[in-house]
Amino acid sequence: MNGAFLGAGIAALGTLGTAIGQGYACGKAVEAVARNPEAESKIRTTLIVGDAIAETSAIYALIIAILLIFVAK
């Protein structure tokens, strides 16, 4: 049982990379809007799509962690 909790903790570390990547992308989007305010809507749309795609890895890591905690016994 303790191995499942350890595995869940390790799987939850997968969200760390997503958080760093999304923060970096958001910072670059802010810089891009600061340089070219007319392109704000295109930059925002691209940022949201990119963040949604990046978020899937965090969701997979969360699902694996939940499965290890509640299903693996």
Protein backbone atom coordinates (compact mmCIF):
# COMPACT_ATOMS: atom_id res chain seq x y z
CA MET A 1 0.00 0.00 0.00
CA ASN A 2 2.82 2.43 0.81
CA GLY A 3 4.28 1.78 -2.61
CA ALA A 4 1.07 3.05 -4.17
CA PHE A 5 1.32 6.29 -2.21
CA LEU A 6 4.94 6.72 -3.20
CA GLY A 7 4.03 6.09 -6.84
CA ALA A 8 1.20 8.61 -6.60
CA GLY A 9 3.59 11.22 -5.25
CA ILE A 10 6.03 10.56 -8.06
CA ALA A 11 3.22 10.72 -10.63
CA ALA A 12 2.07 14.03 -9.17
CA LEU A 13 5.53 15.44 -9.87
CA GLY A 14 4.48 15.40 -13.53
CA THR A 15 2.46 18.52 -12.85
CA LEU A 16 5.63 20.43 -11.97
CA GLY A 17 6.86 20.52 -15.56
CA THR A 18 3.48 21.69 -16.77
CA ALA A 19 3.41 24.53 -14.26
CA ILE A 20 6.88 25.70 -15.26
CA GLY A 21 6.04 25.49 -18.96
CA GLN A 22 2.78 27.37 -18.64
CA GLY A 23 4.40 30.09 -16.57
CA TYR A 24 7.14 30.49 -19.16
CA ALA A 25 4.62 30.61 -22.02
CA CYS A 26 2.50 33.19 -20.20
CA GLY A 27 5.54 35.37 -19.58
CA LYS A 28 6.50 35.22 -23.24
CA ALA A 29 2.93 36.05 -24.25
CA VAL A 30 3.00 39.14 -22.04
CA GLU A 31 6.28 40.19 -23.64
CA ALA A 32 4.81 39.66 -27.11
CA VAL A 33 1.73 41.77 -26.30
CA ALA A 34 3.98 44.47 -24.87
CA ARG A 35 5.93 44.58 -28.13
CA ASN A 36 2.91 44.33 -30.43
CA PRO A 37 -0.40 45.29 -28.77
CA GLU A 38 -2.34 45.01 -32.03
CA ALA A 39 -1.75 41.24 -32.10
CA GLU A 40 -3.16 40.67 -28.62
CA SER A 41 -6.13 38.55 -29.71
CA LYS A 42 -3.99 36.21 -31.84
CA ILE A 43 -1.40 35.89 -29.08
CA ARG A 44 -4.09 35.19 -26.48
CA THR A 45 -5.74 32.55 -28.66
CA THR A 46 -2.42 30.83 -29.32
CA LEU A 47 -1.56 30.95 -25.62
CA ILE A 48 -4.86 29.41 -24.56
CA VAL A 49 -4.58 26.59 -27.11
CA GLY A 50 -0.98 25.92 -26.10
CA ASP A 51 -1.83 25.90 -22.41
CA ALA A 52 -4.74 23.53 -23.02
CA ILE A 53 -2.47 21.11 -24.85
CA ALA A 54 0.20 21.37 -22.14
CA GLU A 55 -2.38 20.84 -19.41
CA THR A 56 -3.19 17.36 -20.73
CA SER A 57 0.09 16.01 -19.33
CA ALA A 58 -0.80 17.35 -15.88
CA ILE A 59 -4.26 15.81 -16.11
CA TYR A 60 -2.76 12.43 -17.07
CA ALA A 61 -0.37 12.65 -14.11
CA LEU A 62 -3.27 13.50 -11.78
CA ILE A 63 -5.35 10.58 -13.07
CA ILE A 64 -2.45 8.19 -12.56
CA ALA A 65 -1.92 9.50 -9.02
CA ILE A 66 -5.62 9.12 -8.16
CA LEU A 67 -5.71 5.62 -9.62
CA LEU A 68 -2.68 4.62 -7.59
CA ILE A 69 -4.17 5.98 -4.37
CA PHE A 70 -7.69 4.62 -4.67
CA VAL A 71 -7.46 1.59 -6.96
CA ALA A 72 -4.06 -0.02 -6.35
CA LYS A 73 -4.40 -1.89 -3.07
